[in-house]
N, C-alpha and C. Protein backbone atom coordinates (compact mmCIF):
# COMPACT_ATOMS: atom_id res chain seq x y z
N MET A 1 -13.41 48.11 -12.37
CA MET A 1 -14.68 47.83 -11.75
C MET A 1 -15.71 47.46 -12.82
N VAL A 2 -16.44 46.41 -12.60
CA VAL A 2 -17.48 45.94 -13.52
C VAL A 2 -18.75 46.77 -13.31
N ARG A 3 -19.34 47.20 -14.42
CA ARG A 3 -20.59 47.95 -14.37
C ARG A 3 -21.62 47.27 -15.25
N ILE A 4 -22.84 47.20 -14.75
CA ILE A 4 -23.94 46.59 -15.49
C ILE A 4 -24.92 47.69 -15.87
N ASP A 5 -25.20 47.81 -17.16
CA ASP A 5 -26.14 48.80 -17.66
C ASP A 5 -27.53 48.17 -17.64
N TYR A 6 -28.33 48.54 -16.66
CA TYR A 6 -29.65 47.93 -16.50
C TYR A 6 -30.64 48.36 -17.56
N LYS A 7 -30.32 49.39 -18.33
CA LYS A 7 -31.18 49.76 -19.46
C LYS A 7 -31.00 48.78 -20.61
N VAL A 8 -29.84 48.12 -20.66
CA VAL A 8 -29.52 47.17 -21.73
C VAL A 8 -29.73 45.73 -21.26
N CYS A 9 -29.44 45.44 -20.00
CA CYS A 9 -29.53 44.07 -19.46
C CYS A 9 -30.95 43.52 -19.62
N ASN A 10 -31.04 42.33 -20.20
CA ASN A 10 -32.36 41.70 -20.37
C ASN A 10 -32.57 40.56 -19.36
N ARG A 11 -31.71 40.52 -18.34
CA ARG A 11 -31.79 39.51 -17.28
C ARG A 11 -31.76 38.08 -17.82
N CYS A 12 -31.04 37.94 -18.93
CA CYS A 12 -30.88 36.63 -19.60
C CYS A 12 -32.23 35.97 -19.85
N GLY A 13 -33.19 36.80 -20.25
CA GLY A 13 -34.51 36.29 -20.60
C GLY A 13 -35.26 35.66 -19.44
N GLY A 14 -34.90 36.04 -18.22
CA GLY A 14 -35.59 35.50 -17.05
C GLY A 14 -35.00 34.20 -16.54
N ALA A 15 -33.86 33.78 -17.08
CA ALA A 15 -33.21 32.55 -16.61
C ALA A 15 -32.90 32.66 -15.12
N LYS A 16 -33.05 31.56 -14.41
CA LYS A 16 -32.80 31.58 -12.98
C LYS A 16 -31.35 31.96 -12.67
N GLU A 17 -30.41 31.33 -13.37
CA GLU A 17 -29.00 31.67 -13.20
C GLU A 17 -28.57 32.50 -14.41
N LYS A 18 -28.11 33.70 -14.17
CA LYS A 18 -27.68 34.60 -15.23
C LYS A 18 -26.31 34.17 -15.75
N ARG A 19 -26.05 34.45 -17.02
CA ARG A 19 -24.77 34.06 -17.63
C ARG A 19 -23.59 34.68 -16.91
N CYS A 20 -23.69 35.96 -16.55
CA CYS A 20 -22.58 36.63 -15.87
C CYS A 20 -22.34 36.01 -14.48
N GLU A 21 -23.39 35.60 -13.85
CA GLU A 21 -23.28 34.94 -12.54
C GLU A 21 -22.55 33.61 -12.68
N ARG A 22 -22.91 32.85 -13.71
CA ARG A 22 -22.33 31.53 -13.94
C ARG A 22 -20.86 31.61 -14.38
N ILE A 23 -20.52 32.60 -15.21
CA ILE A 23 -19.18 32.66 -15.81
C ILE A 23 -18.12 33.25 -14.89
N CYS A 24 -18.51 34.04 -13.91
CA CYS A 24 -17.54 34.73 -13.05
C CYS A 24 -16.70 33.72 -12.25
N PRO A 25 -15.39 33.66 -12.50
CA PRO A 25 -14.56 32.67 -11.80
C PRO A 25 -14.39 32.95 -10.31
N GLY A 26 -14.67 34.18 -9.89
CA GLY A 26 -14.54 34.51 -8.47
C GLY A 26 -15.85 34.48 -7.72
N ASP A 27 -16.93 34.06 -8.38
CA ASP A 27 -18.27 34.05 -7.77
C ASP A 27 -18.61 35.42 -7.18
N LEU A 28 -18.33 36.48 -7.95
CA LEU A 28 -18.52 37.84 -7.47
C LEU A 28 -19.83 38.45 -7.92
N ILE A 29 -20.56 37.76 -8.81
CA ILE A 29 -21.82 38.27 -9.33
C ILE A 29 -22.96 37.40 -8.82
N GLY A 30 -23.99 38.06 -8.32
CA GLY A 30 -25.17 37.36 -7.84
C GLY A 30 -26.41 38.01 -8.42
N VAL A 31 -27.56 37.60 -7.95
CA VAL A 31 -28.83 38.14 -8.44
C VAL A 31 -29.61 38.72 -7.28
N ASN A 32 -30.11 39.93 -7.47
CA ASN A 32 -30.95 40.57 -6.47
C ASN A 32 -32.32 39.88 -6.52
N PRO A 33 -32.75 39.22 -5.45
CA PRO A 33 -34.02 38.48 -5.47
C PRO A 33 -35.25 39.38 -5.63
N GLU A 34 -35.10 40.65 -5.30
CA GLU A 34 -36.25 41.57 -5.39
C GLU A 34 -36.62 41.94 -6.82
N ASP A 35 -35.61 42.09 -7.68
CA ASP A 35 -35.90 42.51 -9.06
C ASP A 35 -35.24 41.63 -10.12
N ASP A 36 -34.62 40.53 -9.71
CA ASP A 36 -34.02 39.55 -10.62
C ASP A 36 -32.88 40.13 -11.46
N ARG A 37 -32.25 41.22 -10.99
CA ARG A 37 -31.14 41.81 -11.72
C ARG A 37 -29.82 41.28 -11.20
N PRO A 38 -28.85 41.06 -12.11
CA PRO A 38 -27.52 40.68 -11.65
C PRO A 38 -26.85 41.86 -10.96
N VAL A 39 -26.08 41.57 -9.93
CA VAL A 39 -25.35 42.61 -9.20
C VAL A 39 -23.94 42.10 -8.90
N VAL A 40 -23.01 43.03 -8.86
CA VAL A 40 -21.65 42.70 -8.49
C VAL A 40 -21.59 42.75 -6.96
N LEU A 41 -21.44 41.60 -6.36
CA LEU A 41 -21.51 41.49 -4.91
C LEU A 41 -20.24 42.00 -4.23
N TYR A 42 -19.09 41.73 -4.81
CA TYR A 42 -17.82 42.07 -4.19
C TYR A 42 -16.92 42.76 -5.21
N PRO A 43 -17.23 43.99 -5.59
CA PRO A 43 -16.46 44.67 -6.63
C PRO A 43 -14.98 44.82 -6.28
N GLN A 44 -14.66 44.93 -5.03
CA GLN A 44 -13.27 45.10 -4.62
C GLN A 44 -12.44 43.84 -4.87
N ASP A 45 -13.10 42.70 -5.04
CA ASP A 45 -12.38 41.45 -5.28
C ASP A 45 -12.25 41.10 -6.76
N CYS A 46 -12.84 41.90 -7.63
CA CYS A 46 -12.78 41.64 -9.07
C CYS A 46 -11.36 41.85 -9.58
N TRP A 47 -10.83 40.89 -10.33
CA TRP A 47 -9.47 41.02 -10.86
C TRP A 47 -9.49 41.35 -12.36
N ALA A 48 -10.64 41.82 -12.85
CA ALA A 48 -10.77 42.32 -14.22
C ALA A 48 -10.44 41.29 -15.29
N CYS A 49 -10.92 40.08 -15.11
CA CYS A 49 -10.65 39.02 -16.10
C CYS A 49 -11.47 39.21 -17.38
N THR A 50 -12.54 39.97 -17.32
CA THR A 50 -13.47 40.31 -18.41
C THR A 50 -14.33 39.12 -18.88
N ALA A 51 -14.40 38.05 -18.12
CA ALA A 51 -15.24 36.92 -18.52
C ALA A 51 -16.70 37.35 -18.65
N CYS A 52 -17.20 38.11 -17.70
CA CYS A 52 -18.59 38.55 -17.75
C CYS A 52 -18.83 39.54 -18.88
N VAL A 53 -17.85 40.39 -19.14
CA VAL A 53 -17.96 41.37 -20.23
C VAL A 53 -18.09 40.65 -21.56
N LYS A 54 -17.26 39.65 -21.78
CA LYS A 54 -17.27 38.91 -23.04
C LYS A 54 -18.47 37.99 -23.19
N ASP A 55 -18.99 37.47 -22.08
CA ASP A 55 -20.06 36.48 -22.15
C ASP A 55 -21.46 37.09 -22.22
N CYS A 56 -21.62 38.35 -21.91
CA CYS A 56 -22.94 38.97 -21.91
C CYS A 56 -23.49 39.03 -23.33
N PRO A 57 -24.63 38.41 -23.60
CA PRO A 57 -25.15 38.36 -24.97
C PRO A 57 -25.68 39.69 -25.49
N VAL A 58 -25.93 40.66 -24.61
CA VAL A 58 -26.46 41.96 -25.05
C VAL A 58 -25.49 43.11 -24.78
N SER A 59 -24.25 42.79 -24.41
CA SER A 59 -23.21 43.79 -24.13
C SER A 59 -23.65 44.81 -23.08
N ALA A 60 -24.28 44.32 -22.02
CA ALA A 60 -24.74 45.20 -20.94
C ALA A 60 -23.69 45.41 -19.87
N ILE A 61 -22.58 44.70 -19.95
CA ILE A 61 -21.55 44.77 -18.92
C ILE A 61 -20.30 45.42 -19.49
N SER A 62 -19.75 46.37 -18.75
CA SER A 62 -18.50 46.99 -19.15
C SER A 62 -17.54 46.94 -17.96
N LEU A 63 -16.30 47.15 -18.27
CA LEU A 63 -15.27 47.15 -17.24
C LEU A 63 -14.63 48.52 -17.22
N ARG A 64 -14.71 49.20 -16.11
CA ARG A 64 -14.05 50.48 -15.94
C ARG A 64 -12.63 50.15 -15.50
N LEU A 65 -11.67 50.44 -16.35
CA LEU A 65 -10.29 50.09 -16.06
C LEU A 65 -9.71 51.05 -15.02
N PRO A 66 -8.83 50.56 -14.16
CA PRO A 66 -8.23 51.43 -13.14
C PRO A 66 -7.50 52.60 -13.79
N PHE A 67 -7.65 53.79 -13.23
CA PHE A 67 -7.04 54.97 -13.83
C PHE A 67 -5.52 54.87 -13.86
N GLN A 68 -4.95 54.05 -13.00
CA GLN A 68 -3.50 53.88 -13.02
C GLN A 68 -3.04 53.24 -14.32
N ILE A 69 -3.94 52.52 -14.99
CA ILE A 69 -3.58 51.83 -16.22
C ILE A 69 -3.74 52.74 -17.43
N LEU A 70 -4.93 53.30 -17.60
CA LEU A 70 -5.22 54.01 -18.84
C LEU A 70 -5.89 55.37 -18.69
N GLY A 71 -5.99 55.89 -17.52
CA GLY A 71 -6.65 57.18 -17.35
C GLY A 71 -7.90 57.04 -16.52
N LYS A 72 -8.38 58.16 -16.06
CA LYS A 72 -9.47 58.19 -15.09
C LYS A 72 -10.79 57.62 -15.59
N GLU A 73 -11.14 57.88 -16.84
CA GLU A 73 -12.46 57.49 -17.34
C GLU A 73 -12.37 56.49 -18.50
N THR A 74 -11.53 55.49 -18.40
CA THR A 74 -11.37 54.52 -19.47
C THR A 74 -12.22 53.29 -19.19
N SER A 75 -12.90 52.80 -20.24
CA SER A 75 -13.73 51.61 -20.07
C SER A 75 -13.53 50.67 -21.25
N LEU A 76 -13.88 49.41 -21.04
CA LEU A 76 -13.78 48.37 -22.05
C LEU A 76 -15.12 47.69 -22.18
N LYS A 77 -15.60 47.56 -23.43
CA LYS A 77 -16.80 46.77 -23.71
C LYS A 77 -16.40 45.73 -24.73
N ALA A 78 -16.89 44.54 -24.56
CA ALA A 78 -16.54 43.46 -25.48
C ALA A 78 -17.76 42.63 -25.77
N SER A 79 -17.77 42.04 -26.95
CA SER A 79 -18.81 41.09 -27.32
C SER A 79 -18.16 39.96 -28.09
N VAL A 80 -18.73 38.79 -27.97
CA VAL A 80 -18.17 37.61 -28.61
C VAL A 80 -19.13 37.10 -29.67
N LYS A 81 -18.58 36.82 -30.84
CA LYS A 81 -19.34 36.20 -31.92
C LYS A 81 -18.47 35.09 -32.50
N GLY A 82 -18.86 33.87 -32.25
CA GLY A 82 -18.07 32.74 -32.73
C GLY A 82 -16.71 32.71 -32.08
N ARG A 83 -15.68 32.71 -32.90
CA ARG A 83 -14.31 32.66 -32.39
C ARG A 83 -13.67 34.03 -32.26
N LYS A 84 -14.46 35.08 -32.41
CA LYS A 84 -13.93 36.44 -32.36
C LYS A 84 -14.52 37.22 -31.18
N THR A 85 -13.68 38.01 -30.53
CA THR A 85 -14.10 38.94 -29.49
C THR A 85 -13.89 40.34 -30.04
N TYR A 86 -14.95 41.13 -30.07
CA TYR A 86 -14.89 42.51 -30.55
C TYR A 86 -14.82 43.43 -29.34
N CYS A 87 -13.82 44.29 -29.30
CA CYS A 87 -13.60 45.16 -28.15
C CYS A 87 -13.65 46.63 -28.54
N VAL A 88 -14.19 47.44 -27.63
CA VAL A 88 -14.18 48.89 -27.78
C VAL A 88 -13.63 49.45 -26.47
N VAL A 89 -12.52 50.17 -26.57
CA VAL A 89 -11.95 50.85 -25.43
C VAL A 89 -12.27 52.33 -25.60
N GLU A 90 -12.94 52.91 -24.60
CA GLU A 90 -13.28 54.32 -24.65
C GLU A 90 -12.51 55.04 -23.56
N GLY A 91 -11.78 56.08 -23.96
CA GLY A 91 -10.94 56.81 -23.04
C GLY A 91 -11.47 58.19 -22.74
N GLU A 92 -10.65 58.94 -22.05
CA GLU A 92 -11.01 60.30 -21.68
C GLU A 92 -11.29 61.13 -22.92
N GLY A 93 -12.26 62.01 -22.85
CA GLY A 93 -12.61 62.86 -23.97
C GLY A 93 -13.37 62.13 -25.07
N GLY A 94 -13.84 60.91 -24.80
CA GLY A 94 -14.63 60.18 -25.78
C GLY A 94 -13.82 59.48 -26.85
N LYS A 95 -12.50 59.45 -26.73
CA LYS A 95 -11.68 58.75 -27.72
C LYS A 95 -11.96 57.26 -27.66
N LYS A 96 -12.15 56.64 -28.84
CA LYS A 96 -12.45 55.22 -28.90
C LYS A 96 -11.42 54.48 -29.73
N GLU A 97 -11.13 53.26 -29.31
CA GLU A 97 -10.32 52.35 -30.09
C GLU A 97 -11.08 51.04 -30.19
N GLU A 98 -11.22 50.53 -31.39
CA GLU A 98 -11.92 49.27 -31.61
C GLU A 98 -10.95 48.26 -32.19
N PHE A 99 -11.07 47.03 -31.72
CA PHE A 99 -10.25 45.95 -32.26
C PHE A 99 -10.94 44.63 -32.03
N GLU A 100 -10.46 43.60 -32.71
CA GLU A 100 -11.02 42.27 -32.51
C GLU A 100 -9.89 41.30 -32.20
N ILE A 101 -10.23 40.30 -31.43
CA ILE A 101 -9.30 39.23 -31.09
C ILE A 101 -9.91 37.94 -31.58
N GLU A 102 -9.15 37.19 -32.35
CA GLU A 102 -9.66 35.94 -32.92
C GLU A 102 -8.89 34.76 -32.34
N VAL A 103 -9.60 33.70 -31.99
CA VAL A 103 -8.96 32.48 -31.53
C VAL A 103 -8.60 31.68 -32.78
N ILE A 104 -7.32 31.38 -32.93
CA ILE A 104 -6.87 30.58 -34.07
C ILE A 104 -6.38 29.24 -33.55
N GLN A 105 -5.64 28.51 -34.30
CA GLN A 105 -5.23 27.16 -33.93
C GLN A 105 -4.69 27.03 -32.51
N ASN A 106 -5.02 25.94 -31.89
CA ASN A 106 -4.51 25.56 -30.56
C ASN A 106 -4.79 26.61 -29.47
N GLY A 107 -5.88 27.38 -29.62
CA GLY A 107 -6.24 28.35 -28.61
C GLY A 107 -5.41 29.63 -28.62
N THR A 108 -4.55 29.78 -29.63
CA THR A 108 -3.73 30.98 -29.75
C THR A 108 -4.63 32.18 -30.08
N LEU A 109 -4.31 33.33 -29.51
CA LEU A 109 -5.07 34.55 -29.77
C LEU A 109 -4.34 35.42 -30.77
N ARG A 110 -5.08 36.08 -31.65
CA ARG A 110 -4.49 37.00 -32.61
C ARG A 110 -5.33 38.27 -32.63
N ARG A 111 -4.67 39.40 -32.40
CA ARG A 111 -5.37 40.69 -32.42
C ARG A 111 -5.34 41.24 -33.85
N LYS A 112 -6.52 41.71 -34.29
CA LYS A 112 -6.62 42.33 -35.59
C LYS A 112 -6.99 43.79 -35.39
N ASP A 113 -6.28 44.69 -36.03
CA ASP A 113 -6.61 46.12 -35.95
C ASP A 113 -7.27 46.57 -37.23
């Protein structure tokens, strides 16, 4: 499930169309007209592609991974800088794993630990 931290979200500087709204391939993110905040309209339809997580310029979006995959309270936060995606996976008990994924030749991905 995608979560938006409204304490961190800067509403894309007041842009009419938010980056997370534009990048979501399922058109699952919209904007609340009352307060201009992005909202996940159809969380049950999210397939956890992480496009919004990676595209958020202030890392305000996280993905709560299904407990069947990694445990009840596991989340993923990612940020992109150039050709690298920096990821932090936080699990139960506050355990964290950090890694980066770099795009190399021909769109190939390489994980660095």
